[in-house]
N, C-alpha and C. Protein backbone atom coordinates (compact mmCIF):
# COMPACT_ATOMS: atom_id res chain seq x y z
N UNK A 1 97.73 98.62 119.34
CA UNK A 1 98.97 99.31 119.59
C UNK A 1 99.07 100.53 118.67
N UNK A 2 99.45 101.66 119.25
CA UNK A 2 99.63 102.89 118.48
C UNK A 2 101.02 102.89 117.86
N UNK A 3 101.09 103.17 116.56
CA UNK A 3 102.38 103.26 115.88
C UNK A 3 102.78 104.73 115.79
N UNK A 4 103.79 105.11 116.57
CA UNK A 4 104.28 106.48 116.59
C UNK A 4 104.77 106.94 115.22
N UNK A 5 105.12 106.00 114.35
CA UNK A 5 105.71 106.35 113.06
C UNK A 5 104.68 106.49 111.94
N UNK A 6 103.39 106.33 112.24
CA UNK A 6 102.34 106.43 111.22
C UNK A 6 101.81 107.86 111.16
N UNK A 7 101.80 108.43 109.96
CA UNK A 7 101.24 109.76 109.76
C UNK A 7 99.73 109.67 109.71
N UNK A 8 99.08 110.55 110.44
CA UNK A 8 97.63 110.62 110.39
C UNK A 8 97.23 111.55 109.25
N UNK A 9 96.38 111.07 108.35
CA UNK A 9 95.93 111.86 107.21
C UNK A 9 94.77 112.73 107.68
N UNK A 10 95.09 113.97 108.01
CA UNK A 10 94.09 114.92 108.50
C UNK A 10 93.84 115.98 107.43
N UNK A 11 92.86 116.81 107.68
CA UNK A 11 92.56 117.89 106.74
C UNK A 11 93.73 118.87 106.66
N UNK A 12 94.34 119.18 107.80
CA UNK A 12 95.47 120.12 107.77
C UNK A 12 96.67 119.52 107.04
N UNK A 13 96.90 118.21 107.19
CA UNK A 13 97.97 117.53 106.44
C UNK A 13 97.68 117.62 104.94
N UNK A 14 96.45 117.35 104.56
CA UNK A 14 96.07 117.34 103.14
C UNK A 14 96.15 118.73 102.51
N UNK A 15 95.97 119.77 103.31
CA UNK A 15 95.98 121.14 102.78
C UNK A 15 97.35 121.80 102.86
N UNK A 16 98.32 121.16 103.48
CA UNK A 16 99.66 121.74 103.61
C UNK A 16 100.28 121.95 102.24
N UNK A 17 100.93 123.09 102.01
CA UNK A 17 101.56 123.35 100.70
C UNK A 17 102.53 122.23 100.28
N UNK A 18 103.31 121.70 101.21
CA UNK A 18 104.26 120.64 100.85
C UNK A 18 103.54 119.37 100.40
N UNK A 19 102.40 119.07 101.01
CA UNK A 19 101.62 117.90 100.61
C UNK A 19 101.07 118.10 99.20
N UNK A 20 100.52 119.27 98.94
CA UNK A 20 99.97 119.55 97.61
C UNK A 20 101.05 119.48 96.54
N UNK A 21 102.23 120.03 96.82
CA UNK A 21 103.34 119.97 95.86
C UNK A 21 103.74 118.52 95.62
N UNK A 22 103.87 117.74 96.69
CA UNK A 22 104.26 116.33 96.55
C UNK A 22 103.24 115.55 95.75
N UNK A 23 101.95 115.77 96.01
CA UNK A 23 100.91 115.07 95.27
C UNK A 23 100.95 115.42 93.80
N UNK A 24 101.10 116.71 93.47
CA UNK A 24 101.15 117.12 92.06
C UNK A 24 102.36 116.52 91.35
N UNK A 25 103.53 116.56 91.99
CA UNK A 25 104.74 116.02 91.37
C UNK A 25 104.65 114.50 91.25
N UNK A 26 104.05 113.85 92.23
CA UNK A 26 103.88 112.39 92.18
C UNK A 26 102.93 112.02 91.04
N UNK A 27 101.84 112.75 90.91
CA UNK A 27 100.88 112.47 89.84
C UNK A 27 101.52 112.69 88.47
N UNK A 28 102.32 113.72 88.33
CA UNK A 28 103.04 113.96 87.08
C UNK A 28 103.99 112.81 86.78
N UNK A 29 104.69 112.32 87.80
CA UNK A 29 105.61 111.20 87.60
C UNK A 29 104.87 109.94 87.16
N UNK A 30 103.72 109.67 87.78
CA UNK A 30 102.93 108.49 87.41
C UNK A 30 102.68 108.51 85.91
N UNK A 31 102.37 109.68 85.37
CA UNK A 31 102.20 109.80 83.93
C UNK A 31 100.99 109.05 83.42
N UNK A 32 101.10 108.57 82.20
CA UNK A 32 100.01 107.88 81.54
C UNK A 32 100.36 106.41 81.32
N UNK A 33 100.36 105.65 82.38
CA UNK A 33 100.62 104.22 82.24
C UNK A 33 99.47 103.59 81.48
N UNK A 34 99.78 102.67 80.59
CA UNK A 34 98.76 102.00 79.78
C UNK A 34 98.23 100.75 80.47
N UNK A 35 97.03 100.37 80.11
CA UNK A 35 96.43 99.10 80.54
C UNK A 35 96.30 98.95 82.05
N UNK A 36 95.98 100.02 82.75
CA UNK A 36 95.75 99.92 84.19
C UNK A 36 94.27 99.64 84.41
N UNK A 37 94.00 98.40 84.81
CA UNK A 37 92.62 97.97 85.05
C UNK A 37 92.37 97.83 86.54
N UNK A 38 93.41 97.42 87.27
CA UNK A 38 93.29 97.24 88.72
C UNK A 38 94.46 97.92 89.41
N UNK A 39 94.16 98.62 90.51
CA UNK A 39 95.22 99.38 91.18
C UNK A 39 95.00 99.38 92.69
N UNK A 40 96.12 99.42 93.40
CA UNK A 40 96.13 99.50 94.86
C UNK A 40 97.00 100.68 95.26
N UNK A 41 96.45 101.56 96.09
CA UNK A 41 97.23 102.64 96.69
C UNK A 41 97.47 102.23 98.13
N UNK A 42 98.73 101.96 98.47
CA UNK A 42 99.07 101.48 99.81
C UNK A 42 98.88 102.60 100.82
N UNK A 43 98.23 102.25 101.92
CA UNK A 43 97.98 103.21 102.99
C UNK A 43 96.57 103.74 102.95
N UNK A 44 96.39 104.84 103.64
CA UNK A 44 95.07 105.46 103.74
C UNK A 44 94.69 106.18 102.45
N UNK A 45 93.39 106.33 102.23
CA UNK A 45 92.90 107.11 101.10
C UNK A 45 93.29 108.57 101.33
N UNK A 46 93.87 109.18 100.30
CA UNK A 46 94.27 110.58 100.38
C UNK A 46 93.73 111.33 99.16
N UNK A 47 94.00 112.60 99.12
CA UNK A 47 93.67 113.38 97.93
C UNK A 47 94.38 112.87 96.71
N UNK A 48 95.60 112.36 96.88
CA UNK A 48 96.35 111.79 95.75
C UNK A 48 95.65 110.55 95.22
N UNK A 49 95.10 109.73 96.10
CA UNK A 49 94.34 108.56 95.66
C UNK A 49 93.21 109.01 94.74
N UNK A 50 92.47 110.02 95.18
CA UNK A 50 91.35 110.53 94.38
C UNK A 50 91.83 111.10 93.04
N UNK A 51 92.97 111.79 93.05
CA UNK A 51 93.51 112.34 91.81
C UNK A 51 93.86 111.22 90.82
N UNK A 52 94.43 110.13 91.33
CA UNK A 52 94.79 109.00 90.46
C UNK A 52 93.54 108.30 89.94
N UNK A 53 92.51 108.17 90.78
CA UNK A 53 91.25 107.57 90.32
C UNK A 53 90.67 108.38 89.17
N UNK A 54 90.71 109.69 89.27
CA UNK A 54 90.23 110.55 88.18
C UNK A 54 91.08 110.39 86.94
N UNK A 55 92.38 110.32 87.11
CA UNK A 55 93.32 110.21 85.98
C UNK A 55 93.10 108.91 85.20
N UNK A 56 92.98 107.80 85.93
CA UNK A 56 92.87 106.48 85.28
C UNK A 56 91.43 106.02 85.07
N UNK A 57 90.48 106.71 85.67
CA UNK A 57 89.08 106.34 85.49
C UNK A 57 88.73 105.00 86.13
N UNK A 58 89.44 104.64 87.19
CA UNK A 58 89.16 103.39 87.91
C UNK A 58 89.18 103.67 89.41
N UNK A 59 88.59 102.77 90.17
CA UNK A 59 88.61 102.86 91.63
C UNK A 59 89.87 102.18 92.14
N UNK A 60 90.64 102.86 92.96
CA UNK A 60 91.83 102.27 93.59
C UNK A 60 91.41 101.59 94.88
N UNK A 61 91.93 100.39 95.13
CA UNK A 61 91.80 99.76 96.43
C UNK A 61 92.83 100.40 97.35
N UNK A 62 92.62 100.26 98.65
CA UNK A 62 93.61 100.70 99.64
C UNK A 62 93.90 99.56 100.59
N UNK A 63 95.13 99.53 101.08
CA UNK A 63 95.54 98.46 101.98
C UNK A 63 94.89 98.64 103.35
N UNK A 64 94.76 97.55 104.05
CA UNK A 64 94.19 97.56 105.40
C UNK A 64 95.18 96.88 106.33
N UNK A 65 95.24 97.32 107.56
CA UNK A 65 96.07 96.65 108.56
C UNK A 65 97.47 97.19 108.64
N UNK A 66 98.25 96.54 109.48
CA UNK A 66 99.64 96.91 109.76
C UNK A 66 100.52 96.45 108.61
N UNK A 67 101.14 97.37 107.90
CA UNK A 67 101.95 97.03 106.72
C UNK A 67 103.24 96.30 107.07
N UNK A 68 103.61 96.26 108.34
CA UNK A 68 104.79 95.51 108.76
C UNK A 68 104.49 94.03 108.99
N UNK A 69 103.20 93.68 109.08
CA UNK A 69 102.88 92.29 109.37
C UNK A 69 101.71 91.72 108.58
N UNK A 70 100.84 92.57 108.05
CA UNK A 70 99.67 92.09 107.31
C UNK A 70 100.05 91.71 105.89
N UNK A 71 99.43 90.65 105.39
CA UNK A 71 99.65 90.22 104.02
C UNK A 71 98.73 91.00 103.09
N UNK A 72 99.28 91.42 101.96
CA UNK A 72 98.47 92.06 100.93
C UNK A 72 97.87 90.97 100.06
N UNK A 73 96.65 91.20 99.59
CA UNK A 73 95.98 90.21 98.75
C UNK A 73 95.47 90.87 97.48
N UNK A 74 95.14 90.04 96.51
CA UNK A 74 94.62 90.51 95.24
C UNK A 74 95.71 90.46 94.18
N UNK A 75 95.36 90.91 92.99
CA UNK A 75 96.31 91.04 91.87
C UNK A 75 96.07 92.40 91.23
N UNK A 76 97.16 93.12 90.97
CA UNK A 76 97.05 94.50 90.49
C UNK A 76 98.02 94.78 89.35
N UNK A 77 97.55 95.63 88.43
CA UNK A 77 98.40 96.14 87.35
C UNK A 77 99.31 97.25 87.87
N UNK A 78 98.81 98.00 88.85
CA UNK A 78 99.54 99.13 89.40
C UNK A 78 99.39 99.14 90.92
N UNK A 79 100.52 99.30 91.60
CA UNK A 79 100.52 99.53 93.05
C UNK A 79 101.29 100.81 93.28
N UNK A 80 100.72 101.70 94.08
CA UNK A 80 101.42 102.91 94.47
C UNK A 80 101.69 102.87 95.97
N UNK A 81 102.88 103.30 96.33
CA UNK A 81 103.29 103.35 97.74
C UNK A 81 104.02 104.68 97.94
N UNK A 82 103.24 105.72 98.22
CA UNK A 82 103.79 107.06 98.36
C UNK A 82 104.04 107.38 99.83
N UNK A 83 105.29 107.68 100.14
CA UNK A 83 105.67 108.11 101.50
C UNK A 83 105.24 107.07 102.55
N UNK A 84 105.56 105.82 102.30
CA UNK A 84 105.22 104.74 103.22
C UNK A 84 106.47 104.10 103.82
N UNK A 85 107.47 103.80 103.02
CA UNK A 85 108.65 103.04 103.48
C UNK A 85 109.29 103.62 104.73
N UNK A 86 109.39 104.93 104.81
CA UNK A 86 110.08 105.55 105.93
C UNK A 86 109.37 105.38 107.26
N UNK A 87 108.11 104.94 107.21
CA UNK A 87 107.31 104.74 108.42
C UNK A 87 107.30 103.28 108.88
N UNK A 88 107.88 102.38 108.09
CA UNK A 88 107.81 100.94 108.38
C UNK A 88 109.03 100.44 109.13
N UNK A 89 108.80 99.44 109.98
CA UNK A 89 109.90 98.77 110.65
C UNK A 89 110.61 97.83 109.69
N UNK A 90 109.84 97.24 108.73
CA UNK A 90 110.40 96.24 107.83
C UNK A 90 110.00 96.53 106.38
N UNK A 91 110.70 97.45 105.72
CA UNK A 91 110.33 97.78 104.34
C UNK A 91 110.54 96.63 103.36
N UNK A 92 111.45 95.70 103.64
CA UNK A 92 111.65 94.55 102.75
C UNK A 92 110.39 93.69 102.73
N UNK A 93 109.79 93.42 103.87
CA UNK A 93 108.54 92.66 103.92
C UNK A 93 107.47 93.36 103.08
N UNK A 94 107.38 94.67 103.20
CA UNK A 94 106.40 95.45 102.44
C UNK A 94 106.61 95.26 100.94
N UNK A 95 107.85 95.39 100.48
CA UNK A 95 108.13 95.24 99.05
C UNK A 95 107.90 93.80 98.57
N UNK A 96 108.22 92.83 99.39
CA UNK A 96 107.96 91.43 99.01
C UNK A 96 106.46 91.18 98.87
N UNK A 97 105.65 91.80 99.73
CA UNK A 97 104.20 91.67 99.63
C UNK A 97 103.70 92.29 98.32
N UNK A 98 104.23 93.44 97.98
CA UNK A 98 103.83 94.10 96.72
C UNK A 98 104.24 93.25 95.53
N UNK A 99 105.44 92.68 95.58
CA UNK A 99 105.92 91.81 94.49
C UNK A 99 104.92 90.69 94.23
N UNK A 100 104.39 90.10 95.29
CA UNK A 100 103.46 88.98 95.17
C UNK A 100 102.12 89.36 94.54
N UNK A 101 101.68 90.60 94.73
CA UNK A 101 100.34 90.97 94.25
C UNK A 101 100.37 91.68 92.89
N UNK A 102 101.55 91.99 92.38
CA UNK A 102 101.63 92.62 91.06
C UNK A 102 101.47 91.60 89.95
N UNK A 103 100.67 91.96 88.96
CA UNK A 103 100.56 91.15 87.76
C UNK A 103 101.94 91.06 87.10
N UNK A 104 102.10 90.11 86.19
CA UNK A 104 103.42 89.87 85.57
C UNK A 104 104.04 91.14 85.00
N UNK A 105 103.27 91.95 84.31
CA UNK A 105 103.79 93.20 83.73
C UNK A 105 103.39 94.41 84.58
N UNK A 106 103.01 94.17 85.84
CA UNK A 106 102.57 95.25 86.71
C UNK A 106 103.69 96.21 87.07
N UNK A 107 103.30 97.35 87.60
CA UNK A 107 104.26 98.38 87.98
C UNK A 107 104.00 98.83 89.41
N UNK A 108 105.09 99.19 90.08
CA UNK A 108 105.04 99.80 91.40
C UNK A 108 105.59 101.21 91.25
N UNK A 109 104.82 102.20 91.71
CA UNK A 109 105.31 103.57 91.80
C UNK A 109 105.49 103.83 93.29
N UNK A 110 106.71 104.15 93.68
CA UNK A 110 107.05 104.29 95.09
C UNK A 110 107.84 105.57 95.31
N UNK A 111 107.50 106.29 96.38
CA UNK A 111 108.28 107.46 96.75
C UNK A 111 108.59 107.41 98.24
N UNK A 112 109.71 108.04 98.59
CA UNK A 112 110.16 108.12 99.98
C UNK A 112 111.20 109.23 100.06
N UNK A 113 111.37 109.84 101.23
CA UNK A 113 112.40 110.88 101.33
C UNK A 113 113.79 110.30 101.10
N UNK A 114 114.63 111.08 100.45
CA UNK A 114 116.04 110.73 100.31
C UNK A 114 116.70 111.02 101.65
N UNK A 115 117.60 110.13 102.08
CA UNK A 115 118.26 110.29 103.38
C UNK A 115 118.89 111.67 103.50
N UNK A 116 118.72 112.24 104.67
CA UNK A 116 119.31 113.53 105.00
C UNK A 116 119.86 113.42 106.43
N UNK A 117 120.56 114.43 106.95
CA UNK A 117 121.04 114.34 108.32
C UNK A 117 119.89 114.04 109.29
N UNK A 118 120.16 113.18 110.27
CA UNK A 118 119.14 112.66 111.18
C UNK A 118 118.33 113.77 111.87
N UNK A 119 118.96 114.88 112.21
CA UNK A 119 118.24 115.94 112.93
C UNK A 119 117.18 116.63 112.06
N UNK A 120 117.20 116.37 110.76
CA UNK A 120 116.19 116.94 109.86
C UNK A 120 115.02 115.98 109.59
N UNK A 121 115.10 114.76 110.09
CA UNK A 121 114.03 113.79 109.87
C UNK A 121 112.76 114.21 110.59
N UNK A 122 111.63 113.82 110.05
CA UNK A 122 110.36 113.95 110.74
C UNK A 122 110.36 112.99 111.92
N UNK A 123 109.70 113.38 113.01
CA UNK A 123 109.58 112.49 114.17
C UNK A 123 108.84 111.20 113.82
N UNK A 124 108.07 111.21 112.74
CA UNK A 124 107.28 110.04 112.35
C UNK A 124 108.04 109.09 111.44
N UNK A 125 109.30 109.41 111.11
CA UNK A 125 110.09 108.53 110.23
C UNK A 125 110.92 107.57 111.06
N UNK A 126 110.75 106.30 110.76
CA UNK A 126 111.55 105.27 111.42
C UNK A 126 112.95 105.25 110.81
N UNK A 127 113.03 105.48 109.51
CA UNK A 127 114.32 105.57 108.82
C UNK A 127 114.13 106.29 107.49
N UNK A 128 115.23 106.75 106.93
CA UNK A 128 115.25 107.31 105.58
C UNK A 128 116.42 106.64 104.86
N UNK A 129 116.31 106.48 103.54
CA UNK A 129 117.30 105.70 102.80
C UNK A 129 118.04 106.53 101.76
N UNK A 130 119.32 106.27 101.66
CA UNK A 130 120.13 106.84 100.60
C UNK A 130 119.81 106.11 99.30
N UNK A 131 120.30 106.63 98.18
CA UNK A 131 120.11 105.93 96.91
C UNK A 131 120.74 104.54 96.99
N UNK A 132 121.92 104.44 97.54
CA UNK A 132 122.60 103.15 97.63
C UNK A 132 121.79 102.13 98.44
N UNK A 133 121.26 102.56 99.58
CA UNK A 133 120.51 101.61 100.41
C UNK A 133 119.17 101.23 99.78
N UNK A 134 118.49 102.18 99.12
CA UNK A 134 117.21 101.82 98.51
C UNK A 134 117.41 100.94 97.28
N UNK A 135 118.51 101.16 96.54
CA UNK A 135 118.81 100.28 95.41
C UNK A 135 119.03 98.84 95.91
N UNK A 136 119.74 98.71 97.02
CA UNK A 136 119.98 97.38 97.60
C UNK A 136 118.66 96.75 98.06
N UNK A 137 117.78 97.57 98.63
CA UNK A 137 116.46 97.07 99.05
C UNK A 137 115.65 96.60 97.85
N UNK A 138 115.65 97.37 96.76
CA UNK A 138 114.93 96.95 95.56
C UNK A 138 115.49 95.64 95.01
N UNK A 139 116.80 95.51 95.01
CA UNK A 139 117.43 94.27 94.53
C UNK A 139 117.04 93.08 95.41
N UNK A 140 117.06 93.26 96.72
CA UNK A 140 116.68 92.18 97.64
C UNK A 140 115.22 91.77 97.45
N UNK A 141 114.36 92.73 97.13
CA UNK A 141 112.93 92.46 96.93
C UNK A 141 112.61 92.04 95.50
N UNK A 142 113.64 91.97 94.64
CA UNK A 142 113.49 91.54 93.25
C UNK A 142 112.66 92.52 92.41
N UNK A 143 113.07 93.79 92.48
CA UNK A 143 112.48 94.83 91.64
C UNK A 143 113.56 95.46 90.79
N UNK A 144 113.16 95.83 89.56
CA UNK A 144 114.05 96.53 88.64
C UNK A 144 113.56 97.96 88.51
N UNK A 145 114.48 98.92 88.55
CA UNK A 145 114.13 100.33 88.38
C UNK A 145 113.92 100.60 86.90
N UNK A 146 112.74 101.13 86.57
CA UNK A 146 112.42 101.54 85.19
C UNK A 146 112.82 103.01 85.00
N UNK A 147 112.46 103.84 85.97
CA UNK A 147 112.85 105.25 85.93
C UNK A 147 112.78 105.82 87.34
N UNK A 148 113.44 106.97 87.50
CA UNK A 148 113.49 107.60 88.81
C UNK A 148 113.62 109.11 88.67
N UNK A 149 113.19 109.82 89.70
CA UNK A 149 113.32 111.28 89.75
C UNK A 149 113.52 111.67 91.21
N UNK A 150 114.01 112.89 91.41
CA UNK A 150 114.20 113.46 92.74
C UNK A 150 113.66 114.88 92.70
N UNK A 151 112.91 115.28 93.74
CA UNK A 151 112.34 116.62 93.73
C UNK A 151 112.17 117.17 95.14
N UNK A 152 112.04 118.49 95.21
CA UNK A 152 111.77 119.19 96.46
C UNK A 152 110.26 119.34 96.62
N UNK A 153 109.81 119.50 97.89
CA UNK A 153 108.37 119.60 98.12
C UNK A 153 107.92 120.88 98.80
N UNK A 154 108.85 121.77 99.12
CA UNK A 154 108.44 123.00 99.80
C UNK A 154 108.48 124.19 98.86
N UNK A 155 107.54 125.14 99.05
CA UNK A 155 107.64 126.38 98.29
C UNK A 155 108.91 127.12 98.75
N UNK A 156 109.51 127.90 97.86
CA UNK A 156 110.79 128.55 98.17
C UNK A 156 110.71 129.39 99.44
N UNK A 157 109.60 130.04 99.69
CA UNK A 157 109.46 130.89 100.88
C UNK A 157 109.66 130.11 102.18
N UNK A 158 109.36 128.81 102.17
CA UNK A 158 109.55 127.97 103.35
C UNK A 158 111.00 127.97 103.81
N UNK A 159 111.93 127.93 102.86
CA UNK A 159 113.35 127.80 103.18
C UNK A 159 113.93 129.06 103.83
N UNK A 160 113.22 130.16 103.78
CA UNK A 160 113.71 131.42 104.33
C UNK A 160 113.25 131.66 105.76
N UNK A 161 112.63 130.65 106.38
CA UNK A 161 112.05 130.82 107.72
C UNK A 161 113.03 130.56 108.86
N UNK A 162 114.25 130.16 108.57
CA UNK A 162 115.21 129.91 109.65
C UNK A 162 116.31 128.97 109.21
N UNK A 163 117.16 128.61 110.16
CA UNK A 163 118.32 127.77 109.86
C UNK A 163 117.89 126.36 109.44
N UNK A 164 117.01 125.74 110.21
CA UNK A 164 116.57 124.38 109.88
C UNK A 164 115.90 124.30 108.51
N UNK A 165 114.94 125.21 108.21
CA UNK A 165 114.38 125.19 106.85
C UNK A 165 115.44 125.44 105.77
N UNK A 166 116.40 126.33 106.04
CA UNK A 166 117.46 126.58 105.06
C UNK A 166 118.28 125.31 104.81
N UNK A 167 118.54 124.53 105.87
CA UNK A 167 119.25 123.26 105.70
C UNK A 167 118.43 122.28 104.86
N UNK A 168 117.10 122.34 104.99
CA UNK A 168 116.24 121.49 104.16
C UNK A 168 116.39 121.82 102.68
N UNK A 169 116.67 123.09 102.36
CA UNK A 169 116.91 123.47 100.98
C UNK A 169 118.09 122.69 100.41
N UNK A 170 119.09 122.45 101.24
CA UNK A 170 120.28 121.72 100.80
C UNK A 170 120.08 120.21 100.76
N UNK A 171 119.34 119.68 101.75
CA UNK A 171 119.31 118.23 101.93
C UNK A 171 118.00 117.54 101.61
N UNK A 172 116.90 118.25 101.62
CA UNK A 172 115.58 117.61 101.55
C UNK A 172 115.15 117.34 100.11
N UNK A 173 114.95 116.06 99.77
CA UNK A 173 114.48 115.63 98.45
C UNK A 173 113.57 114.40 98.63
N UNK A 174 112.64 114.28 97.72
CA UNK A 174 111.84 113.06 97.61
C UNK A 174 112.44 112.26 96.47
N UNK A 175 112.58 110.96 96.67
CA UNK A 175 113.00 110.06 95.58
C UNK A 175 111.77 109.26 95.18
N UNK A 176 111.53 109.20 93.87
CA UNK A 176 110.36 108.49 93.36
C UNK A 176 110.80 107.57 92.23
N UNK A 177 110.21 106.37 92.21
CA UNK A 177 110.64 105.32 91.29
C UNK A 177 109.44 104.65 90.64
N UNK A 178 109.65 104.24 89.38
CA UNK A 178 108.76 103.28 88.75
C UNK A 178 109.55 101.98 88.72
N UNK A 179 108.96 100.93 89.28
CA UNK A 179 109.63 99.64 89.40
C UNK A 179 108.79 98.55 88.76
N UNK A 180 109.44 97.53 88.29
CA UNK A 180 108.73 96.34 87.84
C UNK A 180 109.31 95.14 88.54
N UNK A 181 108.48 94.15 88.83
CA UNK A 181 109.00 92.96 89.51
C UNK A 181 109.87 92.13 88.57
N UNK A 182 110.93 91.59 89.10
CA UNK A 182 111.77 90.65 88.37
C UNK A 182 111.22 89.26 88.69
N UNK A 183 110.85 88.52 87.66
CA UNK A 183 110.29 87.18 87.84
C UNK A 183 111.34 86.15 87.45
N UNK A 184 111.23 84.95 87.96
CA UNK A 184 112.18 83.90 87.62
C UNK A 184 112.14 83.57 86.13
N UNK A 185 111.03 83.90 85.46
CA UNK A 185 110.90 83.62 84.02
C UNK A 185 111.56 84.73 83.17
N UNK A 186 112.01 85.81 83.82
CA UNK A 186 112.63 86.92 83.09
C UNK A 186 114.05 86.59 82.64
């Protein structure tokens, strides 16, 4: 079955200015986490995956299968899920799977677009979440927010191309979080 909401990682996608900006800002947010021995980057291998492998000096695993129904396996110190939630039918299932595979002191770095008016959504987004709704999702999945940031991904010249891009200047942001699992022993 073809999933209309899945982004295809192509060369043109990887070379887009907005993709490069998002990858650089995401890598900066990841920072210098200590003691990362095992890591999983959810989704397809991208240029950002390669950048993180270089940064941490380890090979990242990547998930396989349908993230709405496939179980994740293994144990990881770090899981990254960049621009994935908005493409899923069931983001709670996805976060519960990540919770299960994170080591006790493991971290999840997750990014997704901040909700904006529906007419500005990408055709490939099943949904976008406000801060309030994503906080509720994190709580339901038993994650605690360690830190968060919000940023734009387009070069300024993009916003001058018309009315729709100008509206993106007002509404378009990426929300990125460092999360840790809440365990019953906490």
